[in-house]
Amino acid sequence: MIFEEQLSNADRSDSELLLSADEKDRAGRFIFEHDRARFVAARAFLRRVLGQVVGEHPAALIFAYGAHGRPRLSACAPRPDFNLSHAGDVALLAVCWASPIGIDVEAIAPAMDTGTLAGQVMHPNELAAFERLAEHRRTSAFFRLWTRKEAALKAQGSGLFRDPRSLDVGLGQPGDTTVVFLDGAPCAIHDVPAPPDHVAAICAPWGVPCWSTASF
């Protein structure tokens, strides 16, 4: 299941009450208030959804973190896999009893120099296909590819600690399903619905049923 939240709509006072001491400490390190508020709202959103899924109070959930900072529930059995992404005020959370799972949402930035960035994040096969595209198609293709690739890297647990150029997810077309092998296991990358001017993708084990999206 994919859950969507508008972070700007969150009740900040109630949200902060749900956070652990280490989460509050992380929130306090942000320089700008709007970044701090988004972090607090996103973590509270994560806790509320997971609390509902596992039947625990959101504030009682305990997280452990992998080598690259990927969170997981540490005191629930059984434990669902989950992954959170947010861009600006839009947050998407994927929750699944199968693993691995990764999700990414990005705000499309038409003014971004995607031509320069492409060489920094694309596999040689992807870059060759990207450079054959007409100029007016490159921005949408870049962001579609990037969300798909980051969803896969997050599912693997490496995130950007792995060179994104080492993973080939292909440019594809909107609505395409791409199969990649993560640690030897086949996973499928799908586009998922996103608010206007955003694009999103999810990576999950091959054969997991179709996804539905719910506002929370």
C-alpha atoms as a PDB file:
ATOM      1  CA  MET A   1       0.000   0.000   0.000  1.00  0.00           C
ATOM      2  CA  ILE A   2       1.155   3.531  -0.761  1.00  0.00           C
ATOM      3  CA  PHE A   3       0.077   6.359   1.539  1.00  0.00           C
ATOM      4  CA  GLU A   4       0.181  10.026   0.545  1.00  0.00           C
ATOM      5  CA  GLU A   5       0.380  13.030   2.857  1.00  0.00           C
ATOM      6  CA  GLN A   6       0.529  16.789   2.366  1.00  0.00           C
ATOM      7  CA  LEU A   7       3.076  17.773   4.995  1.00  0.00           C
ATOM      8  CA  SER A   8       1.903  21.381   5.112  1.00  0.00           C
ATOM      9  CA  ASN A   9      -1.458  20.175   6.466  1.00  0.00           C
ATOM     10  CA  ALA A  10       0.056  18.414   9.487  1.00  0.00           C
ATOM     11  CA  ASP A  11      -0.599  19.604  13.036  1.00  0.00           C
ATOM     12  CA  ARG A  12       2.922  20.489  14.165  1.00  0.00           C
ATOM     13  CA  SER A  13       2.268  20.382  17.911  1.00  0.00           C
ATOM     14  CA  ASP A  14       0.644  16.945  17.771  1.00  0.00           C
ATOM     15  CA  SER A  15       3.287  15.675  15.349  1.00  0.00           C
ATOM     16  CA  GLU A  16       6.252  16.539  17.535  1.00  0.00           C
ATOM     17  CA  LEU A  17       4.730  14.695  20.493  1.00  0.00           C
ATOM     18  CA  LEU A  18       5.025  11.427  18.549  1.00  0.00           C
ATOM     19  CA  LEU A  19       8.751  11.710  17.882  1.00  0.00           C
ATOM     20  CA  SER A  20      11.508   9.979  19.826  1.00  0.00           C
ATOM     21  CA  ALA A  21      14.346  11.887  21.483  1.00  0.00           C
ATOM     22  CA  ASP A  22      16.750  11.169  18.632  1.00  0.00           C
ATOM     23  CA  GLU A  23      14.203  12.317  16.042  1.00  0.00           C
ATOM     24  CA  LYS A  24      13.662  15.570  17.939  1.00  0.00           C
ATOM     25  CA  ASP A  25      17.433  16.006  18.069  1.00  0.00           C
ATOM     26  CA  ARG A  26      17.675  15.531  14.298  1.00  0.00           C
ATOM     27  CA  ALA A  27      14.847  18.018  13.787  1.00  0.00           C
ATOM     28  CA  GLY A  28      16.692  20.582  15.875  1.00  0.00           C
ATOM     29  CA  ARG A  29      19.727  20.459  13.571  1.00  0.00           C
ATOM     30  CA  PHE A  30      17.887  21.983  10.614  1.00  0.00           C
ATOM     31  CA  ILE A  31      18.857  25.578   9.950  1.00  0.00           C
ATOM     32  CA  PHE A  32      15.589  26.619   8.328  1.00  0.00           C
ATOM     33  CA  GLU A  33      12.256  26.314  10.099  1.00  0.00           C
ATOM     34  CA  HIS A  34      10.388  25.039   7.024  1.00  0.00           C
ATOM     35  CA  ASP A  35      12.870  22.161   6.666  1.00  0.00           C
ATOM     36  CA  ARG A  36      12.496  21.301  10.344  1.00  0.00           C
ATOM     37  CA  ALA A  37       8.694  21.407  10.090  1.00  0.00           C
ATOM     38  CA  ARG A  38       8.702  19.098   7.063  1.00  0.00           C
ATOM     39  CA  PHE A  39      10.991  16.611   8.812  1.00  0.00           C
ATOM     40  CA  VAL A  40       8.759  16.538  11.896  1.00  0.00           C
ATOM     41  CA  ALA A  41       5.607  16.141   9.784  1.00  0.00           C
ATOM     42  CA  ALA A  42       7.168  13.374   7.679  1.00  0.00           C
ATOM     43  CA  ARG A  43       8.333  11.364  10.705  1.00  0.00           C
ATOM     44  CA  ALA A  44       4.966  11.756  12.413  1.00  0.00           C
ATOM     45  CA  PHE A  45       3.236  10.621   9.198  1.00  0.00           C
ATOM     46  CA  LEU A  46       5.513   7.570   9.108  1.00  0.00           C
ATOM     47  CA  ARG A  47       4.737   6.746  12.740  1.00  0.00           C
ATOM     48  CA  ARG A  48       0.982   7.182  12.368  1.00  0.00           C
ATOM     49  CA  VAL A  49       0.758   4.881   9.359  1.00  0.00           C
ATOM     50  CA  LEU A  50       3.051   2.185  10.761  1.00  0.00           C
ATOM     51  CA  GLY A  51       1.294   2.335  14.110  1.00  0.00           C
ATOM     52  CA  GLN A  52      -1.991   1.655  12.350  1.00  0.00           C
ATOM     53  CA  VAL A  53      -0.471  -1.217  10.342  1.00  0.00           C
ATOM     54  CA  VAL A  54       1.100  -3.048  13.302  1.00  0.00           C
ATOM     55  CA  GLY A  55      -1.455  -2.068  15.924  1.00  0.00           C
ATOM     56  CA  GLU A  56       0.848  -0.014  18.141  1.00  0.00           C
ATOM     57  CA  HIS A  57       0.714   3.579  19.374  1.00  0.00           C
ATOM     58  CA  PRO A  58       2.779   5.721  16.951  1.00  0.00           C
ATOM     59  CA  ALA A  59       4.948   7.147  19.735  1.00  0.00           C
ATOM     60  CA  ALA A  60       5.789   3.639  21.013  1.00  0.00           C
ATOM     61  CA  LEU A  61       7.409   2.481  17.771  1.00  0.00           C
ATOM     62  CA  ILE A  62      11.147   1.845  17.961  1.00  0.00           C
ATOM     63  CA  PHE A  63      13.337   2.132  14.873  1.00  0.00           C
ATOM     64  CA  ALA A  64      16.698   0.580  14.119  1.00  0.00           C
ATOM     65  CA  TYR A  65      18.904   1.753  11.271  1.00  0.00           C
ATOM     66  CA  GLY A  66      20.972  -0.092   8.697  1.00  0.00           C
ATOM     67  CA  ALA A  67      24.539   0.667   7.668  1.00  0.00           C
ATOM     68  CA  HIS A  68      23.358   3.420   5.316  1.00  0.00           C
ATOM     69  CA  GLY A  69      20.695   4.855   7.599  1.00  0.00           C
ATOM     70  CA  ARG A  70      17.684   2.943   6.268  1.00  0.00           C
ATOM     71  CA  PRO A  71      15.130   2.600   9.103  1.00  0.00           C
ATOM     72  CA  ARG A  72      13.277  -0.551  10.084  1.00  0.00           C
ATOM     73  CA  LEU A  73      10.963  -1.471  12.939  1.00  0.00           C
ATOM     74  CA  SER A  74      12.943  -3.230  15.644  1.00  0.00           C
ATOM     75  CA  ALA A  75      10.372  -4.331  18.231  1.00  0.00           C
ATOM     76  CA  CYS A  76       7.394  -5.615  16.242  1.00  0.00           C
ATOM     77  CA  ALA A  77       6.806  -9.142  15.012  1.00  0.00           C
ATOM     78  CA  PRO A  78       6.019  -9.635  12.242  1.00  0.00           C
ATOM     79  CA  ARG A  79       7.473  -6.443  10.813  1.00  0.00           C
ATOM     80  CA  PRO A  80       6.438  -4.900   7.484  1.00  0.00           C
ATOM     81  CA  ASP A  81       9.023  -3.375   5.187  1.00  0.00           C
ATOM     82  CA  PHE A  82       8.509   0.306   4.465  1.00  0.00           C
ATOM     83  CA  ASN A  83      10.093   3.263   2.740  1.00  0.00           C
ATOM     84  CA  LEU A  84       9.367   6.985   2.927  1.00  0.00           C
ATOM     85  CA  SER A  85      10.108   9.739   0.424  1.00  0.00           C
ATOM     86  CA  HIS A  86       9.151  13.385   0.364  1.00  0.00           C
ATOM     87  CA  ALA A  87       9.670  16.310  -1.994  1.00  0.00           C
ATOM     88  CA  GLY A  88       8.633  19.686  -0.668  1.00  0.00           C
ATOM     89  CA  ASP A  89       5.234  19.235   0.980  1.00  0.00           C
ATOM     90  CA  VAL A  90       4.457  15.891  -0.695  1.00  0.00           C
ATOM     91  CA  ALA A  91       5.244  12.671   1.171  1.00  0.00           C
ATOM     92  CA  LEU A  92       4.748   9.112  -0.073  1.00  0.00           C
ATOM     93  CA  LEU A  93       5.110   6.049   2.127  1.00  0.00           C
ATOM     94  CA  ALA A  94       5.186   2.481   0.827  1.00  0.00           C
ATOM     95  CA  VAL A  95       4.376  -0.320   3.290  1.00  0.00           C
ATOM     96  CA  CYS A  96       4.539  -3.998   2.346  1.00  0.00           C
ATOM     97  CA  TRP A  97       4.859  -7.368   4.073  1.00  0.00           C
ATOM     98  CA  ALA A  98       7.263  -8.426   1.318  1.00  0.00           C
ATOM     99  CA  SER A  99      10.718  -6.949   0.908  1.00  0.00           C
ATOM    100  CA  PRO A 100      12.679  -5.184  -0.401  1.00  0.00           C
ATOM    101  CA  ILE A 101      10.637  -2.033  -0.963  1.00  0.00           C
ATOM    102  CA  GLY A 102      11.708   1.423  -2.133  1.00  0.00           C
ATOM    103  CA  ILE A 103       9.789   4.524  -3.174  1.00  0.00           C
ATOM    104  CA  ASP A 104      10.789   7.939  -4.478  1.00  0.00           C
ATOM    105  CA  VAL A 105       8.926  11.141  -5.308  1.00  0.00           C
ATOM    106  CA  GLU A 106      10.461  14.192  -6.942  1.00  0.00           C
ATOM    107  CA  ALA A 107       9.227  17.645  -7.883  1.00  0.00           C
ATOM    108  CA  ILE A 108       9.841  18.274 -11.582  1.00  0.00           C
ATOM    109  CA  ALA A 109      12.181  21.248 -12.016  1.00  0.00           C
ATOM    110  CA  PRO A 110      12.008  22.399 -15.659  1.00  0.00           C
ATOM    111  CA  ALA A 111      14.936  24.795 -15.247  1.00  0.00           C
ATOM    112  CA  MET A 112      17.310  22.072 -14.014  1.00  0.00           C
ATOM    113  CA  ASP A 113      20.315  21.321 -16.213  1.00  0.00           C
ATOM    114  CA  THR A 114      19.387  17.689 -16.786  1.00  0.00           C
ATOM    115  CA  GLY A 115      21.980  17.339 -19.547  1.00  0.00           C
ATOM    116  CA  THR A 116      24.837  17.864 -17.093  1.00  0.00           C
ATOM    117  CA  LEU A 117      23.249  15.782 -14.340  1.00  0.00           C
ATOM    118  CA  ALA A 118      22.556  12.888 -16.706  1.00  0.00           C
ATOM    119  CA  GLY A 119      26.256  12.140 -17.025  1.00  0.00           C
ATOM    120  CA  GLN A 120      26.578  12.017 -13.233  1.00  0.00           C
ATOM    121  CA  VAL A 121      23.737   9.584 -12.507  1.00  0.00           C
ATOM    122  CA  MET A 122      22.987   7.540 -15.647  1.00  0.00           C
ATOM    123  CA  HIS A 123      24.383   4.170 -16.660  1.00  0.00           C
ATOM    124  CA  PRO A 124      26.134   4.388 -20.076  1.00  0.00           C
ATOM    125  CA  ASN A 125      23.180   2.613 -21.731  1.00  0.00           C
ATOM    126  CA  GLU A 126      20.724   5.080 -20.179  1.00  0.00           C
ATOM    127  CA  LEU A 127      22.869   8.054 -21.118  1.00  0.00           C
ATOM    128  CA  ALA A 128      23.090   6.944 -24.749  1.00  0.00           C
ATOM    129  CA  ALA A 129      19.297   6.616 -24.947  1.00  0.00           C
ATOM    130  CA  PHE A 130      18.813   9.966 -23.163  1.00  0.00           C
ATOM    131  CA  GLU A 131      21.075  11.800 -25.599  1.00  0.00           C
ATOM    132  CA  ARG A 132      19.043  10.476 -28.535  1.00  0.00           C
ATOM    133  CA  LEU A 133      15.874  12.109 -27.189  1.00  0.00           C
ATOM    134  CA  ALA A 134      14.538  15.374 -28.552  1.00  0.00           C
ATOM    135  CA  GLU A 135      15.324  18.304 -26.268  1.00  0.00           C
ATOM    136  CA  HIS A 136      11.694  18.848 -25.239  1.00  0.00           C
ATOM    137  CA  ARG A 137      11.408  15.260 -23.949  1.00  0.00           C
ATOM    138  CA  ARG A 138      14.527  15.234 -21.793  1.00  0.00           C
ATOM    139  CA  THR A 139      13.242  16.831 -18.594  1.00  0.00           C
ATOM    140  CA  SER A 140      10.344  14.415 -18.117  1.00  0.00           C
ATOM    141  CA  ALA A 141      12.544  11.453 -19.105  1.00  0.00           C
ATOM    142  CA  PHE A 142      15.244  12.464 -16.642  1.00  0.00           C
ATOM    143  CA  PHE A 143      12.903  12.743 -13.657  1.00  0.00           C
ATOM    144  CA  ARG A 144      11.059   9.537 -14.568  1.00  0.00           C
ATOM    145  CA  LEU A 145      14.374   7.672 -14.737  1.00  0.00           C
ATOM    146  CA  TRP A 146      15.687   9.255 -11.546  1.00  0.00           C
ATOM    147  CA  THR A 147      12.689   8.310  -9.424  1.00  0.00           C
ATOM    148  CA  ARG A 148      12.824   4.755 -10.746  1.00  0.00           C
ATOM    149  CA  LYS A 149      16.520   4.483 -10.057  1.00  0.00           C
ATOM    150  CA  GLU A 150      16.361   5.973  -6.575  1.00  0.00           C
ATOM    151  CA  ALA A 151      13.430   3.713  -5.678  1.00  0.00           C
ATOM    152  CA  ALA A 152      15.584   0.712  -6.630  1.00  0.00           C
ATOM    153  CA  LEU A 153      18.629   1.982  -4.724  1.00  0.00           C
ATOM    154  CA  LYS A 154      16.475   2.603  -1.653  1.00  0.00           C
ATOM    155  CA  ALA A 155      14.969  -0.888  -1.915  1.00  0.00           C
ATOM    156  CA  GLN A 156      18.464  -2.326  -1.985  1.00  0.00           C
ATOM    157  CA  GLY A 157      19.286  -0.359   1.146  1.00  0.00           C
ATOM    158  CA  SER A 158      22.280   1.434  -0.341  1.00  0.00           C
ATOM    159  CA  GLY A 159      20.656   4.659  -1.483  1.00  0.00           C
ATOM    160  CA  LEU A 160      23.181   7.040  -2.987  1.00  0.00           C
ATOM    161  CA  PHE A 161      26.042   5.288  -1.199  1.00  0.00           C
ATOM    162  CA  ARG A 162      26.050   3.193  -4.385  1.00  0.00           C
ATOM    163  CA  ASP A 163      27.131   4.948  -7.577  1.00  0.00           C
ATOM    164  CA  PRO A 164      23.820   5.408  -9.451  1.00  0.00           C
ATOM    165  CA  ARG A 165      25.683   4.981 -12.732  1.00  0.00           C
ATOM    166  CA  SER A 166      26.269   1.316 -11.841  1.00  0.00           C
ATOM    167  CA  LEU A 167      22.538   0.488 -12.040  1.00  0.00           C
ATOM    168  CA  ASP A 168      20.736   0.304 -15.397  1.00  0.00           C
ATOM    169  CA  VAL A 169      16.967   0.786 -15.084  1.00  0.00           C
ATOM    170  CA  GLY A 170      16.504   2.148 -18.626  1.00  0.00           C
ATOM    171  CA  LEU A 171      14.579   5.231 -19.704  1.00  0.00           C
ATOM    172  CA  GLY A 172      11.373   3.359 -20.423  1.00  0.00           C
ATOM    173  CA  GLN A 173       8.041   4.973 -21.182  1.00  0.00           C
ATOM    174  CA  PRO A 174       5.416   6.256 -18.736  1.00  0.00           C
ATOM    175  CA  GLY A 175       3.600   3.258 -17.270  1.00  0.00           C
ATOM    176  CA  ASP A 176       6.325   0.743 -18.156  1.00  0.00           C
ATOM    177  CA  THR A 177       7.431  -1.935 -15.689  1.00  0.00           C
ATOM    178  CA  THR A 178      11.185  -2.439 -15.412  1.00  0.00           C
ATOM    179  CA  VAL A 179      12.700  -5.589 -13.899  1.00  0.00           C
ATOM    180  CA  VAL A 180      15.982  -5.304 -12.023  1.00  0.00           C
ATOM    181  CA  PHE A 181      17.896  -7.810  -9.906  1.00  0.00           C
ATOM    182  CA  LEU A 182      18.806  -6.585  -6.443  1.00  0.00           C
ATOM    183  CA  ASP A 183      21.162  -8.907  -4.597  1.00  0.00           C
ATOM    184  CA  GLY A 184      20.051 -11.662  -6.987  1.00  0.00           C
ATOM    185  CA  ALA A 185      16.309 -11.194  -6.409  1.00  0.00           C
ATOM    186  CA  PRO A 186      14.034  -9.983  -9.238  1.00  0.00           C
ATOM    187  CA  CYS A 187      12.255  -6.716  -8.447  1.00  0.00           C
ATOM    188  CA  ALA A 188       9.829  -4.647 -10.491  1.00  0.00           C
ATOM    189  CA  ILE A 189       9.904  -0.862 -10.804  1.00  0.00           C
ATOM    190  CA  HIS A 190       6.583   0.866 -11.491  1.00  0.00           C
ATOM    191  CA  ASP A 191       5.463   4.452 -11.879  1.00  0.00           C
ATOM    192  CA  VAL A 192       2.944   5.460  -9.216  1.00  0.00           C
ATOM    193  CA  PRO A 193       0.418   8.319  -9.200  1.00  0.00           C
ATOM    194  CA  ALA A 194       1.830  11.629  -7.979  1.00  0.00           C
ATOM    195  CA  PRO A 195       0.454  15.149  -7.479  1.00  0.00           C
ATOM    196  CA  PRO A 196       0.758  17.685 -10.338  1.00  0.00           C
ATOM    197  CA  ASP A 197       4.331  18.635 -11.252  1.00  0.00           C
ATOM    198  CA  HIS A 198       5.699  15.588  -9.419  1.00  0.00           C
ATOM    199  CA  VAL A 199       6.745  12.123 -10.513  1.00  0.00           C
ATOM    200  CA  ALA A 200       7.062   8.987  -8.390  1.00  0.00           C
ATOM    201  CA  ALA A 201       8.084   5.354  -8.650  1.00  0.00           C
ATOM    202  CA  ILE A 202       8.185   2.241  -6.491  1.00  0.00           C
ATOM    203  CA  CYS A 203      10.452  -0.812  -6.509  1.00  0.00           C
ATOM    204  CA  ALA A 204       9.151  -4.045  -4.992  1.00  0.00           C
ATOM    205  CA  PRO A 205       9.668  -7.806  -5.303  1.00  0.00           C
ATOM    206  CA  TRP A 206       8.519  -9.237  -8.607  1.00  0.00           C
ATOM    207  CA  GLY A 207       4.993 -10.625  -8.386  1.00  0.00           C
ATOM    208  CA  VAL A 208       3.774  -8.357  -5.573  1.00  0.00           C
ATOM    209  CA  PRO A 209       0.143  -7.370  -6.382  1.00  0.00           C
ATOM    210  CA  CYS A 210      -0.755  -4.000  -7.897  1.00  0.00           C
ATOM    211  CA  TRP A 211      -0.513  -0.986  -5.633  1.00  0.00           C
ATOM    212  CA  SER A 212      -3.228   1.326  -4.435  1.00  0.00           C
ATOM    213  CA  THR A 213      -2.729   4.815  -3.053  1.00  0.00           C
ATOM    214  CA  ALA A 214      -4.525   6.320  -0.075  1.00  0.00           C
ATOM    215  CA  SER A 215      -4.364   9.733   1.527  1.00  0.00           C
ATOM    216  CA  PHE A 216      -3.689   9.575   5.244  1.00  0.00           C
END
